Amino acid sequence: MGMNKAARTAWWESLPAGIRDEINGYVLQDSLLSAVRVIVAIGLVPHGIGVGTAQMIVSDRYVHYGDRVAREPESPLDLESLACRAAGCAGRVVAIEAIWDGDTVRDWFVRLLAITVDPAGEDQMATVYGSTAKRYLGEGEDCHPRHPVAVAAERAGRALATHLAVPFHFASPDTPDDQAPRWKP
C-alpha cells in the first residue's frame, strides 16, 4: 500500500521523538538501509508499511536534510588516481568494466571495476554518481541523449584500460541496465 506525501508526513510526525531521532541519525550518516529497516520494523505490523513505503519516507528525510547528509567521498576519475588504484589490485588486471547500479536516493550510477585473474576477482576503481560526472566532465558538457554518469565512466574507464593495455567493457552505455551482460574473457 503506497502513501502520499501528506500521509507519510502525518505518519512521520506521529512517531515518538526517539524513533525519529534514530531514523534521522541513520539518514544523516547516509545509512539508507538501516533507516529503512527501522521503519519496516516499527511500521509493518501496525500500519502495513513495507519496504517501498519505508524507502519513500526515508527519501523524504534525505530531501529534508539535503546537503547535511554525510555522503561518502566522491571517487577520483583522473587517470593517475585510477592507475594507482589498479596497481593495488591483488590479481593481474585483465579488463576494466563499467556496470550500472542504482538506488532510490541516488538514482542510476556506474561502478568502474578492474577484473583480475590470479586470483580471479573484481576490484572497485570508482563509483560514478551524477555529481561525480558533473565534476569530471565540467558543468558545460552536453551528454544528451546519454546519461552523464555513463559518459564520465566510459571516458575514465577507457583511459584506464588503454593505460593498462586491457579491454574496456560497458555492455549498456546508452541505457541504464543493471542486468546487462558482464565481461567474459
N, C-alpha and C. Protein backbone atom coordinates (compact mmCIF):
# COMPACT_ATOMS: atom_id res chain seq x y z
N MET A 1 0.85 -1.18 0.00
CA MET A 1 0.00 0.00 0.00
C MET A 1 0.90 1.24 0.00
N GLY A 2 0.71 2.10 -0.98
CA GLY A 2 1.51 3.33 -1.06
C GLY A 2 0.88 4.44 -0.23
N MET A 3 1.71 5.36 0.20
CA MET A 3 1.22 6.52 0.97
C MET A 3 1.59 7.77 0.20
N ASN A 4 0.66 8.73 0.13
CA ASN A 4 1.04 10.00 -0.50
C ASN A 4 1.88 10.81 0.49
N LYS A 5 2.41 11.92 0.00
CA LYS A 5 3.33 12.73 0.81
C LYS A 5 2.68 13.18 2.12
N ALA A 6 1.43 13.63 2.06
CA ALA A 6 0.75 14.10 3.27
C ALA A 6 0.59 12.98 4.29
N ALA A 7 0.26 11.78 3.83
CA ALA A 7 0.09 10.63 4.74
C ALA A 7 1.43 10.22 5.34
N ARG A 8 2.49 10.28 4.52
CA ARG A 8 3.83 9.94 5.04
C ARG A 8 4.25 10.95 6.11
N THR A 9 3.98 12.22 5.84
CA THR A 9 4.34 13.28 6.80
C THR A 9 3.56 13.09 8.10
N ALA A 10 2.27 12.82 8.00
CA ALA A 10 1.44 12.61 9.21
C ALA A 10 1.95 11.40 10.00
N TRP A 11 2.28 10.31 9.30
CA TRP A 11 2.79 9.12 9.98
C TRP A 11 4.11 9.45 10.66
N TRP A 12 5.00 10.14 9.94
CA TRP A 12 6.30 10.51 10.49
C TRP A 12 6.12 11.33 11.77
N GLU A 13 5.25 12.32 11.73
CA GLU A 13 5.04 13.20 12.88
C GLU A 13 4.38 12.48 14.06
N SER A 14 3.73 11.35 13.80
CA SER A 14 3.10 10.58 14.89
C SER A 14 4.11 9.70 15.64
N LEU A 15 5.32 9.55 15.09
CA LEU A 15 6.33 8.70 15.72
C LEU A 15 6.89 9.36 16.98
N PRO A 16 7.28 8.54 17.97
CA PRO A 16 7.96 9.09 19.15
C PRO A 16 9.26 9.78 18.72
N ALA A 17 9.64 10.83 19.43
CA ALA A 17 10.84 11.60 19.10
C ALA A 17 12.09 10.72 19.04
N GLY A 18 12.19 9.75 19.94
CA GLY A 18 13.38 8.87 19.96
C GLY A 18 13.53 8.08 18.67
N ILE A 19 12.42 7.56 18.14
CA ILE A 19 12.45 6.80 16.88
C ILE A 19 12.81 7.73 15.73
N ARG A 20 12.20 8.93 15.71
CA ARG A 20 12.52 9.91 14.65
C ARG A 20 14.01 10.27 14.70
N ASP A 21 14.54 10.46 15.92
CA ASP A 21 15.97 10.78 16.06
C ASP A 21 16.85 9.64 15.54
N GLU A 22 16.46 8.40 15.82
CA GLU A 22 17.24 7.25 15.35
C GLU A 22 17.26 7.21 13.82
N ILE A 23 16.09 7.34 13.21
CA ILE A 23 15.99 7.30 11.74
C ILE A 23 16.76 8.47 11.14
N ASN A 24 16.57 9.67 11.69
CA ASN A 24 17.29 10.84 11.19
C ASN A 24 18.80 10.65 11.32
N GLY A 25 19.24 10.01 12.40
CA GLY A 25 20.67 9.73 12.59
C GLY A 25 21.21 8.86 11.48
N TYR A 26 20.45 7.82 11.11
CA TYR A 26 20.89 6.95 10.01
C TYR A 26 20.93 7.73 8.69
N VAL A 27 19.91 8.58 8.46
CA VAL A 27 19.88 9.37 7.23
C VAL A 27 21.09 10.31 7.17
N LEU A 28 21.37 11.00 8.26
CA LEU A 28 22.49 11.94 8.29
C LEU A 28 23.83 11.25 8.07
N GLN A 29 23.90 9.94 8.42
CA GLN A 29 25.12 9.15 8.18
C GLN A 29 25.08 8.49 6.80
N ASP A 30 24.03 8.75 6.01
CA ASP A 30 23.83 8.13 4.70
C ASP A 30 23.72 6.61 4.80
N SER A 31 23.03 6.15 5.86
CA SER A 31 22.79 4.71 6.05
C SER A 31 21.35 4.39 5.67
N LEU A 32 21.10 4.45 4.37
CA LEU A 32 19.76 4.25 3.83
C LEU A 32 19.10 2.96 4.33
N LEU A 33 19.80 1.85 4.21
CA LEU A 33 19.19 0.56 4.56
C LEU A 33 18.86 0.45 6.04
N SER A 34 19.72 1.01 6.89
CA SER A 34 19.45 0.98 8.34
C SER A 34 18.19 1.78 8.66
N ALA A 35 18.02 2.94 8.02
CA ALA A 35 16.83 3.76 8.25
C ALA A 35 15.57 3.03 7.78
N VAL A 36 15.65 2.42 6.60
CA VAL A 36 14.51 1.66 6.06
C VAL A 36 14.17 0.50 7.00
N ARG A 37 15.18 -0.20 7.49
CA ARG A 37 14.99 -1.35 8.38
C ARG A 37 14.20 -0.94 9.63
N VAL A 38 14.55 0.21 10.24
CA VAL A 38 13.85 0.69 11.44
C VAL A 38 12.39 0.95 11.12
N ILE A 39 12.13 1.63 10.00
CA ILE A 39 10.74 1.97 9.65
C ILE A 39 9.92 0.71 9.41
N VAL A 40 10.46 -0.26 8.69
CA VAL A 40 9.73 -1.51 8.44
C VAL A 40 9.49 -2.25 9.76
N ALA A 41 10.50 -2.27 10.63
CA ALA A 41 10.37 -2.98 11.92
C ALA A 41 9.25 -2.40 12.78
N ILE A 42 9.08 -1.07 12.75
CA ILE A 42 8.04 -0.47 13.60
C ILE A 42 6.74 -0.23 12.86
N GLY A 43 6.76 -0.23 11.52
CA GLY A 43 5.58 0.14 10.76
C GLY A 43 4.85 -0.96 10.05
N LEU A 44 5.49 -2.10 9.83
CA LEU A 44 4.86 -3.15 9.02
C LEU A 44 3.63 -3.73 9.69
N VAL A 45 3.77 -4.22 10.90
CA VAL A 45 2.64 -4.89 11.57
C VAL A 45 1.50 -3.91 11.89
N PRO A 46 1.78 -2.80 12.59
CA PRO A 46 0.65 -1.94 12.94
C PRO A 46 0.08 -1.09 11.80
N HIS A 47 0.90 -0.77 10.78
CA HIS A 47 0.44 0.18 9.75
C HIS A 47 0.59 -0.33 8.32
N GLY A 48 1.09 -1.55 8.13
CA GLY A 48 1.25 -2.10 6.78
C GLY A 48 2.33 -1.40 5.96
N ILE A 49 3.31 -0.79 6.64
CA ILE A 49 4.36 -0.07 5.92
C ILE A 49 5.47 -1.06 5.56
N GLY A 50 5.57 -1.33 4.25
CA GLY A 50 6.59 -2.24 3.74
C GLY A 50 7.82 -1.48 3.26
N VAL A 51 8.69 -2.19 2.59
CA VAL A 51 9.96 -1.62 2.16
C VAL A 51 9.77 -0.45 1.20
N GLY A 52 8.87 -0.56 0.24
CA GLY A 52 8.66 0.51 -0.73
C GLY A 52 8.25 1.82 -0.08
N THR A 53 7.27 1.76 0.81
CA THR A 53 6.81 2.97 1.51
C THR A 53 7.90 3.47 2.45
N ALA A 54 8.59 2.55 3.12
CA ALA A 54 9.69 2.95 4.01
C ALA A 54 10.76 3.70 3.23
N GLN A 55 11.07 3.25 2.01
CA GLN A 55 12.06 3.94 1.19
C GLN A 55 11.59 5.35 0.84
N MET A 56 10.28 5.51 0.58
CA MET A 56 9.76 6.84 0.27
C MET A 56 9.86 7.76 1.50
N ILE A 57 9.58 7.21 2.69
CA ILE A 57 9.69 8.00 3.92
C ILE A 57 11.14 8.42 4.14
N VAL A 58 12.06 7.48 3.96
CA VAL A 58 13.49 7.79 4.13
C VAL A 58 13.93 8.81 3.07
N SER A 59 13.44 8.66 1.86
CA SER A 59 13.77 9.61 0.79
C SER A 59 13.29 11.01 1.18
N ASP A 60 12.11 11.11 1.80
CA ASP A 60 11.62 12.40 2.30
C ASP A 60 12.62 13.00 3.30
N ARG A 61 13.18 12.15 4.17
CA ARG A 61 14.15 12.63 5.17
C ARG A 61 15.44 13.10 4.49
N TYR A 62 15.88 12.39 3.44
CA TYR A 62 17.06 12.81 2.69
C TYR A 62 16.82 14.19 2.07
N VAL A 63 15.63 14.39 1.49
CA VAL A 63 15.29 15.70 0.91
C VAL A 63 15.29 16.76 2.00
N HIS A 64 14.72 16.42 3.16
CA HIS A 64 14.66 17.36 4.28
C HIS A 64 16.06 17.83 4.70
N TYR A 65 17.01 16.90 4.77
CA TYR A 65 18.36 17.24 5.23
C TYR A 65 19.28 17.72 4.12
N GLY A 66 19.01 17.35 2.87
CA GLY A 66 19.79 17.85 1.73
C GLY A 66 21.29 17.68 1.90
N ASP A 67 22.02 18.78 1.80
CA ASP A 67 23.48 18.76 1.85
C ASP A 67 24.05 18.40 3.22
N ARG A 68 23.20 18.31 4.24
CA ARG A 68 23.69 17.96 5.57
C ARG A 68 23.97 16.46 5.70
N VAL A 69 23.47 15.65 4.74
CA VAL A 69 23.74 14.21 4.76
C VAL A 69 25.22 13.99 4.44
N ALA A 70 25.89 13.21 5.31
CA ALA A 70 27.32 12.94 5.13
C ALA A 70 27.50 11.87 4.07
N ARG A 71 27.69 12.29 2.85
CA ARG A 71 27.86 11.35 1.74
C ARG A 71 29.28 10.78 1.75
N GLU A 72 29.40 9.60 1.15
CA GLU A 72 30.75 9.06 1.01
C GLU A 72 31.53 9.98 0.06
N PRO A 73 32.84 10.09 0.25
CA PRO A 73 33.63 10.96 -0.62
C PRO A 73 33.50 10.52 -2.08
N GLU A 74 33.56 11.47 -2.99
CA GLU A 74 33.47 11.16 -4.42
C GLU A 74 34.74 10.46 -4.89
N SER A 75 34.56 9.50 -5.77
CA SER A 75 35.70 8.78 -6.34
C SER A 75 36.47 9.68 -7.31
N PRO A 76 37.80 9.62 -7.26
CA PRO A 76 38.56 10.34 -8.28
C PRO A 76 38.46 9.60 -9.61
N LEU A 77 38.38 10.34 -10.71
CA LEU A 77 38.30 9.72 -12.03
C LEU A 77 39.50 10.05 -12.91
N ASP A 78 40.47 10.79 -12.35
CA ASP A 78 41.65 11.11 -13.15
C ASP A 78 42.49 9.83 -13.35
N LEU A 79 43.17 9.76 -14.48
CA LEU A 79 43.94 8.57 -14.84
C LEU A 79 44.97 8.21 -13.80
N GLU A 80 45.68 9.20 -13.26
CA GLU A 80 46.73 8.92 -12.28
C GLU A 80 46.16 8.22 -11.04
N SER A 81 45.02 8.68 -10.54
CA SER A 81 44.39 8.06 -9.36
C SER A 81 43.88 6.66 -9.67
N LEU A 82 43.24 6.50 -10.84
CA LEU A 82 42.72 5.18 -11.21
C LEU A 82 43.86 4.19 -11.43
N ALA A 83 44.94 4.63 -12.05
CA ALA A 83 46.10 3.74 -12.28
C ALA A 83 46.72 3.33 -10.95
N CYS A 84 46.77 4.27 -9.99
CA CYS A 84 47.30 3.97 -8.66
C CYS A 84 46.44 2.90 -7.98
N ARG A 85 45.11 3.05 -8.12
CA ARG A 85 44.19 2.09 -7.53
C ARG A 85 44.34 0.72 -8.22
N ALA A 86 44.47 0.71 -9.54
CA ALA A 86 44.62 -0.55 -10.28
C ALA A 86 45.91 -1.26 -9.88
N ALA A 87 46.97 -0.49 -9.62
CA ALA A 87 48.25 -1.09 -9.21
C ALA A 87 48.13 -1.80 -7.87
N GLY A 88 47.13 -1.43 -7.08
CA GLY A 88 46.93 -2.06 -5.78
C GLY A 88 46.10 -3.33 -5.81
N CYS A 89 45.62 -3.73 -6.98
CA CYS A 89 44.81 -4.96 -7.08
C CYS A 89 45.67 -6.18 -6.77
N ALA A 90 45.08 -7.14 -6.06
CA ALA A 90 45.80 -8.36 -5.69
C ALA A 90 46.13 -9.20 -6.92
N GLY A 91 45.19 -9.27 -7.87
CA GLY A 91 45.43 -10.07 -9.08
C GLY A 91 45.90 -9.22 -10.24
N ARG A 92 46.19 -9.90 -11.36
CA ARG A 92 46.59 -9.20 -12.58
C ARG A 92 45.33 -8.69 -13.26
N VAL A 93 45.29 -7.39 -13.58
CA VAL A 93 44.11 -6.78 -14.21
C VAL A 93 44.05 -7.23 -15.67
N VAL A 94 42.91 -7.82 -16.07
CA VAL A 94 42.74 -8.29 -17.44
C VAL A 94 41.67 -7.51 -18.20
N ALA A 95 40.89 -6.69 -17.50
CA ALA A 95 39.88 -5.86 -18.16
C ALA A 95 39.40 -4.79 -17.19
N ILE A 96 38.88 -3.70 -17.76
CA ILE A 96 38.19 -2.68 -16.98
C ILE A 96 36.74 -2.74 -17.44
N GLU A 97 35.83 -2.79 -16.48
CA GLU A 97 34.41 -2.92 -16.81
C GLU A 97 33.60 -1.84 -16.12
N ALA A 98 32.62 -1.31 -16.84
CA ALA A 98 31.66 -0.36 -16.27
C ALA A 98 30.32 -1.07 -16.17
N ILE A 99 29.72 -1.05 -14.97
CA ILE A 99 28.41 -1.68 -14.78
C ILE A 99 27.46 -0.70 -14.10
N TRP A 100 26.19 -0.76 -14.51
CA TRP A 100 25.16 0.10 -13.93
C TRP A 100 24.74 -0.41 -12.57
N ASP A 101 24.37 0.51 -11.70
CA ASP A 101 23.78 0.19 -10.40
C ASP A 101 22.87 1.38 -10.08
N GLY A 102 22.11 1.26 -9.03
CA GLY A 102 21.23 2.38 -8.69
C GLY A 102 20.50 2.14 -7.40
N ASP A 103 19.94 3.21 -6.85
CA ASP A 103 19.10 3.10 -5.68
C ASP A 103 18.08 4.24 -5.70
N THR A 104 17.14 4.19 -4.77
CA THR A 104 16.04 5.15 -4.79
C THR A 104 16.48 6.56 -4.42
N VAL A 105 17.60 6.71 -3.75
CA VAL A 105 18.05 8.04 -3.32
C VAL A 105 18.96 8.67 -4.37
N ARG A 106 19.93 7.90 -4.89
CA ARG A 106 20.93 8.48 -5.79
C ARG A 106 20.64 8.27 -7.26
N ASP A 107 19.54 7.54 -7.58
CA ASP A 107 19.21 7.26 -8.97
C ASP A 107 20.26 6.31 -9.55
N TRP A 108 20.45 6.34 -10.86
CA TRP A 108 21.42 5.46 -11.52
C TRP A 108 22.84 5.97 -11.32
N PHE A 109 23.77 5.04 -11.15
CA PHE A 109 25.19 5.37 -11.12
C PHE A 109 25.94 4.21 -11.76
N VAL A 110 27.23 4.41 -12.02
CA VAL A 110 28.04 3.38 -12.69
C VAL A 110 29.23 3.05 -11.80
N ARG A 111 29.51 1.76 -11.67
CA ARG A 111 30.70 1.30 -10.96
C ARG A 111 31.75 0.93 -12.00
N LEU A 112 32.97 1.44 -11.80
CA LEU A 112 34.11 1.06 -12.64
C LEU A 112 34.88 -0.03 -11.90
N LEU A 113 35.05 -1.17 -12.54
CA LEU A 113 35.70 -2.31 -11.91
C LEU A 113 36.94 -2.74 -12.68
N ALA A 114 37.94 -3.21 -11.94
CA ALA A 114 39.09 -3.88 -12.55
C ALA A 114 38.83 -5.38 -12.38
N ILE A 115 38.78 -6.09 -13.49
CA ILE A 115 38.58 -7.54 -13.47
C ILE A 115 39.98 -8.18 -13.42
N THR A 116 40.17 -9.09 -12.45
CA THR A 116 41.51 -9.66 -12.24
C THR A 116 41.51 -11.18 -12.37
N VAL A 117 42.70 -11.70 -12.61
CA VAL A 117 42.97 -13.15 -12.56
C VAL A 117 44.18 -13.35 -11.65
N ASP A 118 44.33 -14.53 -11.15
CA ASP A 118 45.47 -14.91 -10.28
C ASP A 118 45.64 -13.98 -9.09
N PRO A 119 44.70 -13.84 -8.19
CA PRO A 119 43.40 -14.52 -8.10
C PRO A 119 42.31 -13.81 -8.91
N ALA A 120 41.31 -14.62 -9.30
CA ALA A 120 40.15 -14.09 -10.03
C ALA A 120 39.32 -13.22 -9.10
N GLY A 121 38.87 -12.10 -9.61
CA GLY A 121 38.03 -11.22 -8.81
C GLY A 121 37.75 -9.93 -9.52
N GLU A 122 37.18 -9.00 -8.76
CA GLU A 122 36.96 -7.66 -9.29
C GLU A 122 37.20 -6.68 -8.16
N ASP A 123 37.87 -5.60 -8.49
CA ASP A 123 38.17 -4.55 -7.53
C ASP A 123 37.51 -3.27 -8.00
N GLN A 124 36.85 -2.58 -7.10
CA GLN A 124 36.19 -1.34 -7.46
C GLN A 124 37.22 -0.23 -7.62
N MET A 125 37.21 0.40 -8.78
CA MET A 125 38.12 1.51 -9.07
C MET A 125 37.45 2.84 -8.74
N ALA A 126 36.13 2.95 -9.03
CA ALA A 126 35.41 4.20 -8.78
C ALA A 126 33.91 3.94 -8.85
N THR A 127 33.16 4.81 -8.20
CA THR A 127 31.70 4.85 -8.33
C THR A 127 31.38 6.22 -8.90
N VAL A 128 30.67 6.22 -10.03
CA VAL A 128 30.38 7.47 -10.73
C VAL A 128 28.91 7.84 -10.52
N TYR A 129 28.69 8.80 -9.61
CA TYR A 129 27.35 9.35 -9.36
C TYR A 129 27.18 10.56 -10.27
N GLY A 130 25.98 11.11 -10.31
CA GLY A 130 25.71 12.30 -11.11
C GLY A 130 26.64 13.44 -10.76
N SER A 131 26.86 13.66 -9.46
CA SER A 131 27.73 14.76 -9.02
C SER A 131 29.19 14.50 -9.42
N THR A 132 29.59 13.22 -9.40
CA THR A 132 30.95 12.86 -9.81
C THR A 132 31.13 13.15 -11.30
N ALA A 133 30.12 12.78 -12.09
CA ALA A 133 30.18 13.00 -13.54
C ALA A 133 30.27 14.49 -13.85
N LYS A 134 29.47 15.31 -13.15
CA LYS A 134 29.49 16.77 -13.37
C LYS A 134 30.88 17.34 -13.07
N ARG A 135 31.46 16.89 -11.96
CA ARG A 135 32.79 17.37 -11.56
C ARG A 135 33.82 16.97 -12.61
N TYR A 136 33.76 15.73 -13.08
CA TYR A 136 34.75 15.19 -14.01
C TYR A 136 34.59 15.80 -15.41
N LEU A 137 33.35 15.90 -15.88
CA LEU A 137 33.10 16.36 -17.25
C LEU A 137 33.08 17.88 -17.36
N GLY A 138 32.79 18.55 -16.23
CA GLY A 138 32.63 20.00 -16.27
C GLY A 138 31.16 20.34 -16.47
N GLU A 139 30.75 21.45 -15.94
CA GLU A 139 29.34 21.85 -15.97
C GLU A 139 28.77 21.97 -17.38
N GLY A 140 29.59 22.45 -18.33
CA GLY A 140 29.05 22.75 -19.66
C GLY A 140 28.94 21.58 -20.61
N GLU A 141 29.44 20.43 -20.25
CA GLU A 141 29.46 19.26 -21.15
C GLU A 141 28.04 18.78 -21.44
N ASP A 142 27.69 18.69 -22.73
CA ASP A 142 26.37 18.22 -23.13
C ASP A 142 26.49 16.74 -23.50
N CYS A 143 25.87 15.89 -22.71
CA CYS A 143 25.96 14.44 -22.93
C CYS A 143 24.74 13.90 -23.66
N HIS A 144 23.77 14.75 -23.90
CA HIS A 144 22.49 14.33 -24.48
C HIS A 144 22.71 13.50 -25.74
N PRO A 145 22.05 12.37 -25.94
CA PRO A 145 20.98 11.83 -25.11
C PRO A 145 21.48 10.87 -24.03
N ARG A 146 22.79 10.69 -23.91
CA ARG A 146 23.32 9.71 -22.95
C ARG A 146 23.33 10.26 -21.53
N HIS A 147 23.30 9.35 -20.57
CA HIS A 147 23.35 9.71 -19.15
C HIS A 147 24.76 10.20 -18.83
N PRO A 148 24.92 11.35 -18.16
CA PRO A 148 26.27 11.87 -17.85
C PRO A 148 27.15 10.88 -17.09
N VAL A 149 26.55 10.06 -16.20
CA VAL A 149 27.39 9.10 -15.46
C VAL A 149 27.99 8.06 -16.41
N ALA A 150 27.24 7.71 -17.47
CA ALA A 150 27.76 6.75 -18.45
C ALA A 150 28.89 7.37 -19.26
N VAL A 151 28.73 8.63 -19.65
CA VAL A 151 29.76 9.31 -20.43
C VAL A 151 31.05 9.43 -19.61
N ALA A 152 30.92 9.85 -18.35
CA ALA A 152 32.10 10.00 -17.49
C ALA A 152 32.77 8.65 -17.21
N ALA A 153 31.96 7.63 -16.90
CA ALA A 153 32.51 6.31 -16.61
C ALA A 153 33.21 5.72 -17.83
N GLU A 154 32.59 5.90 -18.99
CA GLU A 154 33.20 5.37 -20.21
C GLU A 154 34.51 6.08 -20.52
N ARG A 155 34.54 7.40 -20.39
CA ARG A 155 35.75 8.17 -20.68
C ARG A 155 36.89 7.78 -19.72
N ALA A 156 36.60 7.75 -18.42
CA ALA A 156 37.62 7.41 -17.42
C ALA A 156 38.03 5.94 -17.53
N GLY A 157 37.04 5.05 -17.72
CA GLY A 157 37.32 3.62 -17.82
C GLY A 157 38.13 3.27 -19.06
N ARG A 158 37.79 3.88 -20.19
CA ARG A 158 38.52 3.64 -21.43
C ARG A 158 39.96 4.15 -21.31
N ALA A 159 40.15 5.30 -20.67
CA ALA A 159 41.51 5.84 -20.48
C ALA A 159 42.34 4.89 -19.62
N LEU A 160 41.73 4.36 -18.55
CA LEU A 160 42.46 3.42 -17.68
C LEU A 160 42.78 2.13 -18.44
N ALA A 161 41.80 1.60 -19.17
CA ALA A 161 42.01 0.36 -19.94
C ALA A 161 43.14 0.55 -20.96
N THR A 162 43.14 1.68 -21.64
CA THR A 162 44.20 1.98 -22.62
C THR A 162 45.55 2.04 -21.92
N HIS A 163 45.60 2.73 -20.78
CA HIS A 163 46.84 2.84 -19.99
C HIS A 163 47.36 1.46 -19.58
N LEU A 164 46.45 0.56 -19.22
CA LEU A 164 46.84 -0.78 -18.76
C LEU A 164 46.95 -1.78 -19.91
N ALA A 165 46.59 -1.36 -21.13
CA ALA A 165 46.60 -2.23 -22.31
C ALA A 165 45.72 -3.46 -22.12
N VAL A 166 44.49 -3.22 -21.61
CA VAL A 166 43.50 -4.28 -21.43
C VAL A 166 42.18 -3.81 -22.07
N PRO A 167 41.26 -4.75 -22.33
CA PRO A 167 39.98 -4.35 -22.92
C PRO A 167 39.12 -3.54 -21.93
N PHE A 168 38.26 -2.68 -22.51
CA PHE A 168 37.26 -1.96 -21.73
C PHE A 168 35.91 -2.51 -22.13
N HIS A 169 35.04 -2.80 -21.13
CA HIS A 169 33.72 -3.37 -21.43
C HIS A 169 32.64 -2.55 -20.72
N PHE A 170 31.64 -2.14 -21.48
CA PHE A 170 30.46 -1.45 -20.93
C PHE A 170 29.29 -1.95 -21.76
N ALA A 171 28.58 -2.94 -21.25
CA ALA A 171 27.55 -3.64 -22.03
C ALA A 171 26.38 -2.73 -22.43
N SER A 172 26.08 -1.73 -21.64
CA SER A 172 24.91 -0.90 -21.93
C SER A 172 25.21 0.59 -21.71
N PRO A 173 26.09 1.15 -22.54
CA PRO A 173 26.50 2.54 -22.32
C PRO A 173 25.40 3.58 -22.57
N ASP A 174 24.40 3.23 -23.35
CA ASP A 174 23.36 4.20 -23.72
C ASP A 174 22.12 4.14 -22.86
N THR A 175 21.91 3.02 -22.15
CA THR A 175 20.69 2.82 -21.37
C THR A 175 21.03 2.19 -20.03
N PRO A 176 20.60 2.81 -18.91
CA PRO A 176 20.83 2.17 -17.61
C PRO A 176 20.22 0.78 -17.57
N ASP A 177 21.05 -0.23 -17.24
CA ASP A 177 20.60 -1.62 -17.20
C ASP A 177 21.52 -2.39 -16.26
N ASP A 178 21.02 -2.66 -15.04
CA ASP A 178 21.85 -3.37 -14.07
C ASP A 178 21.83 -4.89 -14.29
N GLN A 179 21.18 -5.34 -15.36
CA GLN A 179 21.18 -6.77 -15.71
C GLN A 179 21.95 -7.03 -17.02
N ALA A 180 22.65 -6.02 -17.53
CA ALA A 180 23.40 -6.15 -18.78
C ALA A 180 24.46 -7.24 -18.64
N PRO A 181 24.81 -7.91 -19.73
CA PRO A 181 25.81 -9.00 -19.65
C PRO A 181 27.16 -8.48 -19.17
N ARG A 182 27.80 -9.28 -18.33
CA ARG A 182 29.10 -8.93 -17.76
C ARG A 182 30.22 -9.37 -18.70
N TRP A 183 31.42 -8.81 -18.48
CA TRP A 183 32.59 -9.14 -19.29
C TRP A 183 32.99 -10.59 -19.09
N LYS A 184 33.35 -11.23 -20.19
CA LYS A 184 33.88 -12.59 -20.12
C LYS A 184 35.18 -12.64 -20.92
N PRO A 185 36.20 -13.31 -20.36
CA PRO A 185 37.49 -13.39 -21.08
C PRO A 185 37.37 -14.22 -22.37
